[in-house]
PDB file of all heavy atoms in Angstrom:
ATOM      1  N   LYS A   1      73.622  47.977 118.809  1.00  0.00           N
ATOM      2  CA  LYS A   1      74.471  46.840 119.146  1.00  0.00           C
ATOM      3  C   LYS A   1      75.671  47.312 119.951  1.00  0.00           C
ATOM      4  O   LYS A   1      76.610  47.885 119.399  1.00  0.00           O
ATOM      5  CB  LYS A   1      74.958  46.129 117.880  1.00  0.00           C
ATOM      6  CG  LYS A   1      73.883  45.405 117.118  1.00  0.00           C
ATOM      7  CD  LYS A   1      74.501  44.670 115.925  1.00  0.00           C
ATOM      8  CE  LYS A   1      73.427  44.005 115.087  1.00  0.00           C
ATOM      9  NZ  LYS A   1      74.015  43.295 113.922  1.00  0.00           N
ATOM     10  N   PRO A   2      75.650  47.102 121.251  1.00  0.00           N
ATOM     11  CA  PRO A   2      76.816  47.459 122.053  1.00  0.00           C
ATOM     12  C   PRO A   2      78.005  46.565 121.706  1.00  0.00           C
ATOM     13  O   PRO A   2      77.839  45.497 121.119  1.00  0.00           O
ATOM     14  CB  PRO A   2      76.340  47.216 123.490  1.00  0.00           C
ATOM     15  CG  PRO A   2      75.214  46.251 123.361  1.00  0.00           C
ATOM     16  CD  PRO A   2      74.566  46.527 122.036  1.00  0.00           C
ATOM     17  N   THR A   3      79.195  46.998 122.071  1.00  0.00           N
ATOM     18  CA  THR A   3      80.417  46.254 121.759  1.00  0.00           C
ATOM     19  C   THR A   3      80.992  45.609 123.011  1.00  0.00           C
ATOM     20  O   THR A   3      81.146  46.269 124.044  1.00  0.00           O
ATOM     21  CB  THR A   3      81.472  47.185 121.139  1.00  0.00           C
ATOM     22  OG1 THR A   3      80.964  47.713 119.916  1.00  0.00           O
ATOM     23  CG2 THR A   3      82.770  46.441 120.862  1.00  0.00           C
ATOM     24  N   VAL A   4      81.306  44.316 122.915  1.00  0.00           N
ATOM     25  CA  VAL A   4      82.060  43.636 123.963  1.00  0.00           C
ATOM     26  C   VAL A   4      83.535  43.764 123.598  1.00  0.00           C
ATOM     27  O   VAL A   4      83.974  43.245 122.566  1.00  0.00           O
ATOM     28  CB  VAL A   4      81.661  42.153 124.087  1.00  0.00           C
ATOM     29  CG1 VAL A   4      82.574  41.438 125.083  1.00  0.00           C
ATOM     30  CG2 VAL A   4      80.204  42.030 124.520  1.00  0.00           C
ATOM     31  N   SER A   5      84.305  44.484 124.441  1.00  0.00           N
ATOM     32  CA  SER A   5      85.681  44.805 124.078  1.00  0.00           C
ATOM     33  C   SER A   5      86.725  44.005 124.846  1.00  0.00           C
ATOM     34  O   SER A   5      87.887  43.956 124.453  1.00  0.00           O
ATOM     35  CB  SER A   5      85.950  46.301 124.302  1.00  0.00           C
ATOM     36  OG  SER A   5      85.790  46.615 125.672  1.00  0.00           O
ATOM     37  N   ASN A   6      86.316  43.369 125.931  1.00  0.00           N
ATOM     38  CA  ASN A   6      87.313  42.618 126.712  1.00  0.00           C
ATOM     39  C   ASN A   6      86.611  41.666 127.674  1.00  0.00           C
ATOM     40  O   ASN A   6      85.475  41.904 128.085  1.00  0.00           O
ATOM     41  CB  ASN A   6      88.194  43.581 127.506  1.00  0.00           C
ATOM     42  CG  ASN A   6      89.461  42.916 128.024  1.00  0.00           C
ATOM     43  OD1 ASN A   6      89.858  41.849 127.537  1.00  0.00           O
ATOM     44  ND2 ASN A   6      90.102  43.516 128.999  1.00  0.00           N
ATOM     45  N   ILE A   7      87.295  40.577 127.999  1.00  0.00           N
ATOM     46  CA  ILE A   7      86.833  39.652 129.046  1.00  0.00           C
ATOM     47  C   ILE A   7      88.020  39.410 129.967  1.00  0.00           C
ATOM     48  O   ILE A   7      89.078  38.947 129.534  1.00  0.00           O
ATOM     49  CB  ILE A   7      86.323  38.331 128.458  1.00  0.00           C
ATOM     50  CG1 ILE A   7      85.117  38.591 127.548  1.00  0.00           C
ATOM     51  CG2 ILE A   7      85.939  37.352 129.582  1.00  0.00           C
ATOM     52  CD1 ILE A   7      84.565  37.351 126.874  1.00  0.00           C
ATOM     53  N   ARG A   8      87.852  39.763 131.226  1.00  0.00           N
ATOM     54  CA  ARG A   8      88.930  39.629 132.203  1.00  0.00           C
ATOM     55  C   ARG A   8      88.576  38.576 133.250  1.00  0.00           C
ATOM     56  O   ARG A   8      87.401  38.254 133.450  1.00  0.00           O
ATOM     57  CB  ARG A   8      89.193  40.975 132.889  1.00  0.00           C
ATOM     58  CG  ARG A   8      89.687  42.050 131.923  1.00  0.00           C
ATOM     59  CD  ARG A   8      90.046  43.337 132.642  1.00  0.00           C
ATOM     60  NE  ARG A   8      88.863  44.085 133.095  1.00  0.00           N
ATOM     61  CZ  ARG A   8      88.483  44.207 134.348  1.00  0.00           C
ATOM     62  NH1 ARG A   8      89.161  43.610 135.317  1.00  0.00           N
ATOM     63  NH2 ARG A   8      87.403  44.920 134.663  1.00  0.00           N
ATOM     64  N   PHE A   9      89.594  38.048 133.911  1.00  0.00           N
ATOM     65  CA  PHE A   9      89.395  37.001 134.894  1.00  0.00           C
ATOM     66  C   PHE A   9      90.171  37.318 136.173  1.00  0.00           C
ATOM     67  O   PHE A   9      91.261  37.879 136.125  1.00  0.00           O
ATOM     68  CB  PHE A   9      89.873  35.644 134.357  1.00  0.00           C
ATOM     69  CG  PHE A   9      89.138  35.200 133.124  1.00  0.00           C
ATOM     70  CD1 PHE A   9      89.521  35.653 131.865  1.00  0.00           C
ATOM     71  CD2 PHE A   9      88.057  34.348 133.227  1.00  0.00           C
ATOM     72  CE1 PHE A   9      88.843  35.250 130.723  1.00  0.00           C
ATOM     73  CE2 PHE A   9      87.378  33.940 132.096  1.00  0.00           C
ATOM     74  CZ  PHE A   9      87.772  34.407 130.844  1.00  0.00           C
ATOM     75  N   GLY A  10      89.570  36.931 137.293  1.00  0.00           N
ATOM     76  CA  GLY A  10      90.248  37.008 138.577  1.00  0.00           C
ATOM     77  C   GLY A  10      90.316  35.624 139.182  1.00  0.00           C
ATOM     78  O   GLY A  10      89.311  34.902 139.202  1.00  0.00           O
ATOM     79  N   GLU A  11      91.489  35.227 139.651  1.00  0.00           N
ATOM     80  CA  GLU A  11      91.684  33.875 140.175  1.00  0.00           C
ATOM     81  C   GLU A  11      91.927  33.902 141.679  1.00  0.00           C
ATOM     82  O   GLU A  11      92.709  34.706 142.176  1.00  0.00           O
ATOM     83  CB  GLU A  11      92.875  33.205 139.485  1.00  0.00           C
ATOM     84  CG  GLU A  11      92.726  33.052 137.984  1.00  0.00           C
ATOM     85  CD  GLU A  11      93.942  32.381 137.367  1.00  0.00           C
ATOM     86  OE1 GLU A  11      94.445  31.414 137.968  1.00  0.00           O
ATOM     87  OE2 GLU A  11      94.406  32.837 136.305  1.00  0.00           O
ATOM     88  N   HIS A  12      91.235  33.005 142.386  1.00  0.00           N
ATOM     89  CA  HIS A  12      91.441  32.807 143.812  1.00  0.00           C
ATOM     90  C   HIS A  12      91.491  31.298 144.069  1.00  0.00           C
ATOM     91  O   HIS A  12      91.280  30.502 143.155  1.00  0.00           O
ATOM     92  CB  HIS A  12      90.322  33.460 144.620  1.00  0.00           C
ATOM     93  CG  HIS A  12      90.173  34.928 144.340  1.00  0.00           C
ATOM     94  ND1 HIS A  12      90.976  35.885 144.899  1.00  0.00           N
ATOM     95  CD2 HIS A  12      89.316  35.590 143.516  1.00  0.00           C
ATOM     96  CE1 HIS A  12      90.632  37.074 144.443  1.00  0.00           C
ATOM     97  NE2 HIS A  12      89.620  36.935 143.603  1.00  0.00           N
ATOM     98  N   ALA A  13      91.762  30.906 145.285  1.00  0.00           N
ATOM     99  CA  ALA A  13      91.941  29.490 145.593  1.00  0.00           C
ATOM    100  C   ALA A  13      90.747  28.645 145.175  1.00  0.00           C
ATOM    101  O   ALA A  13      90.894  27.601 144.542  1.00  0.00           O
ATOM    102  CB  ALA A  13      92.217  29.318 147.088  1.00  0.00           C
ATOM    103  N   ASP A  14      89.550  29.079 145.531  1.00  0.00           N
ATOM    104  CA  ASP A  14      88.362  28.283 145.240  1.00  0.00           C
ATOM    105  C   ASP A  14      87.324  29.048 144.419  1.00  0.00           C
ATOM    106  O   ASP A  14      86.181  28.638 144.314  1.00  0.00           O
ATOM    107  CB  ASP A  14      87.723  27.771 146.534  1.00  0.00           C
ATOM    108  CG  ASP A  14      87.316  28.906 147.463  1.00  0.00           C
ATOM    109  OD1 ASP A  14      87.740  30.058 147.199  1.00  0.00           O
ATOM    110  OD2 ASP A  14      86.579  28.656 148.440  1.00  0.00           O
ATOM    111  N   ARG A  15      87.739  30.189 143.862  1.00  0.00           N
ATOM    112  CA  ARG A  15      86.802  31.001 143.088  1.00  0.00           C
ATOM    113  C   ARG A  15      87.460  31.559 141.829  1.00  0.00           C
ATOM    114  O   ARG A  15      88.670  31.747 141.783  1.00  0.00           O
ATOM    115  CB  ARG A  15      86.259  32.179 143.923  1.00  0.00           C
ATOM    116  CG  ARG A  15      85.302  31.746 145.024  1.00  0.00           C
ATOM    117  CD  ARG A  15      84.535  32.941 145.555  1.00  0.00           C
ATOM    118  NE  ARG A  15      83.592  32.543 146.587  1.00  0.00           N
ATOM    119  CZ  ARG A  15      82.625  33.342 147.059  1.00  0.00           C
ATOM    120  NH1 ARG A  15      82.498  34.575 146.583  1.00  0.00           N
ATOM    121  NH2 ARG A  15      81.794  32.929 147.991  1.00  0.00           N
ATOM    122  N   THR A  16      86.623  31.823 140.840  1.00  0.00           N
ATOM    123  CA  THR A  16      87.067  32.515 139.628  1.00  0.00           C
ATOM    124  C   THR A  16      86.043  33.587 139.294  1.00  0.00           C
ATOM    125  O   THR A  16      84.840  33.313 139.294  1.00  0.00           O
ATOM    126  CB  THR A  16      87.203  31.538 138.432  1.00  0.00           C
ATOM    127  OG1 THR A  16      88.269  30.621 138.691  1.00  0.00           O
ATOM    128  CG2 THR A  16      87.497  32.300 137.145  1.00  0.00           C
ATOM    129  N   ARG A  17      86.519  34.795 139.042  1.00  0.00           N
ATOM    130  CA  ARG A  17      85.631  35.890 138.651  1.00  0.00           C
ATOM    131  C   ARG A  17      85.792  36.151 137.148  1.00  0.00           C
ATOM    132  O   ARG A  17      86.905  36.243 136.638  1.00  0.00           O
ATOM    133  CB  ARG A  17      85.934  37.157 139.441  1.00  0.00           C
ATOM    134  CG  ARG A  17      85.255  38.411 138.885  1.00  0.00           C
ATOM    135  CD  ARG A  17      85.305  39.578 139.852  1.00  0.00           C
ATOM    136  NE  ARG A  17      84.320  39.389 140.930  1.00  0.00           N
ATOM    137  CZ  ARG A  17      84.007  40.345 141.821  1.00  0.00           C
ATOM    138  NH1 ARG A  17      84.604  41.533 141.762  1.00  0.00           N
ATOM    139  NH2 ARG A  17      83.111  40.104 142.758  1.00  0.00           N
ATOM    140  N   ILE A  18      84.663  36.284 136.459  1.00  0.00           N
ATOM    141  CA  ILE A  18      84.640  36.635 135.041  1.00  0.00           C
ATOM    142  C   ILE A  18      84.054  38.030 134.904  1.00  0.00           C
ATOM    143  O   ILE A  18      82.976  38.312 135.442  1.00  0.00           O
ATOM    144  CB  ILE A  18      83.794  35.634 134.228  1.00  0.00           C
ATOM    145  CG1 ILE A  18      84.351  34.208 134.382  1.00  0.00           C
ATOM    146  CG2 ILE A  18      83.739  36.029 132.759  1.00  0.00           C
ATOM    147  CD1 ILE A  18      83.458  33.138 133.782  1.00  0.00           C
ATOM    148  N   VAL A  19      84.754  38.908 134.212  1.00  0.00           N
ATOM    149  CA  VAL A  19      84.295  40.278 133.999  1.00  0.00           C
ATOM    150  C   VAL A  19      84.202  40.531 132.497  1.00  0.00           C
ATOM    151  O   VAL A  19      85.200  40.457 131.778  1.00  0.00           O
ATOM    152  CB  VAL A  19      85.243  41.307 134.644  1.00  0.00           C
ATOM    153  CG1 VAL A  19      84.722  42.725 134.413  1.00  0.00           C
ATOM    154  CG2 VAL A  19      85.406  41.027 136.132  1.00  0.00           C
ATOM    155  N   ILE A  20      82.999  40.808 132.023  1.00  0.00           N
ATOM    156  CA  ILE A  20      82.753  41.068 130.604  1.00  0.00           C
ATOM    157  C   ILE A  20      82.552  42.572 130.433  1.00  0.00           C
ATOM    158  O   ILE A  20      81.625  43.152 131.006  1.00  0.00           O
ATOM    159  CB  ILE A  20      81.506  40.309 130.113  1.00  0.00           C
ATOM    160  CG1 ILE A  20      81.652  38.814 130.388  1.00  0.00           C
ATOM    161  CG2 ILE A  20      81.260  40.568 128.626  1.00  0.00           C
ATOM    162  CD1 ILE A  20      80.352  38.031 130.259  1.00  0.00           C
ATOM    163  N   GLU A  21      83.417  43.209 129.655  1.00  0.00           N
ATOM    164  CA  GLU A  21      83.336  44.653 129.454  1.00  0.00           C
ATOM    165  C   GLU A  21      82.528  44.953 128.196  1.00  0.00           C
ATOM    166  O   GLU A  21      82.838  44.458 127.108  1.00  0.00           O
ATOM    167  CB  GLU A  21      84.739  45.253 129.331  1.00  0.00           C
ATOM    168  CG  GLU A  21      85.561  45.099 130.609  1.00  0.00           C
ATOM    169  CD  GLU A  21      86.899  45.806 130.534  1.00  0.00           C
ATOM    170  OE1 GLU A  21      87.240  46.343 129.456  1.00  0.00           O
ATOM    171  OE2 GLU A  21      87.602  45.826 131.560  1.00  0.00           O
ATOM    172  N   VAL A  22      81.478  45.755 128.367  1.00  0.00           N
ATOM    173  CA  VAL A  22      80.557  46.046 127.262  1.00  0.00           C
ATOM    174  C   VAL A  22      80.246  47.542 127.228  1.00  0.00           C
ATOM    175  O   VAL A  22      80.188  48.199 128.272  1.00  0.00           O
ATOM    176  CB  VAL A  22      79.267  45.193 127.405  1.00  0.00           C
ATOM    177  CG1 VAL A  22      78.562  45.490 128.703  1.00  0.00           C
ATOM    178  CG2 VAL A  22      78.347  45.376 126.225  1.00  0.00           C
ATOM    179  N   GLY A  23      80.058  48.078 126.033  1.00  0.00           N
ATOM    180  CA  GLY A  23      79.924  49.518 125.845  1.00  0.00           C
ATOM    181  C   GLY A  23      78.634  50.128 126.346  1.00  0.00           C
ATOM    182  O   GLY A  23      78.565  51.338 126.567  1.00  0.00           O
ATOM    183  N   SER A  24      77.596  49.336 126.526  1.00  0.00           N
ATOM    184  CA  SER A  24      76.313  49.843 127.016  1.00  0.00           C
ATOM    185  C   SER A  24      75.813  48.929 128.132  1.00  0.00           C
ATOM    186  O   SER A  24      76.180  47.757 128.202  1.00  0.00           O
ATOM    187  CB  SER A  24      75.274  49.884 125.892  1.00  0.00           C
ATOM    188  OG  SER A  24      75.714  50.677 124.815  1.00  0.00           O
TER     189      SER A  24
END
């Protein structure tokens, strides 16, 4: 079972980026 340790976001005018950090 890998670990999800963080979820980060990037914001732009018409876009949003989601980054899910996982151990494996």
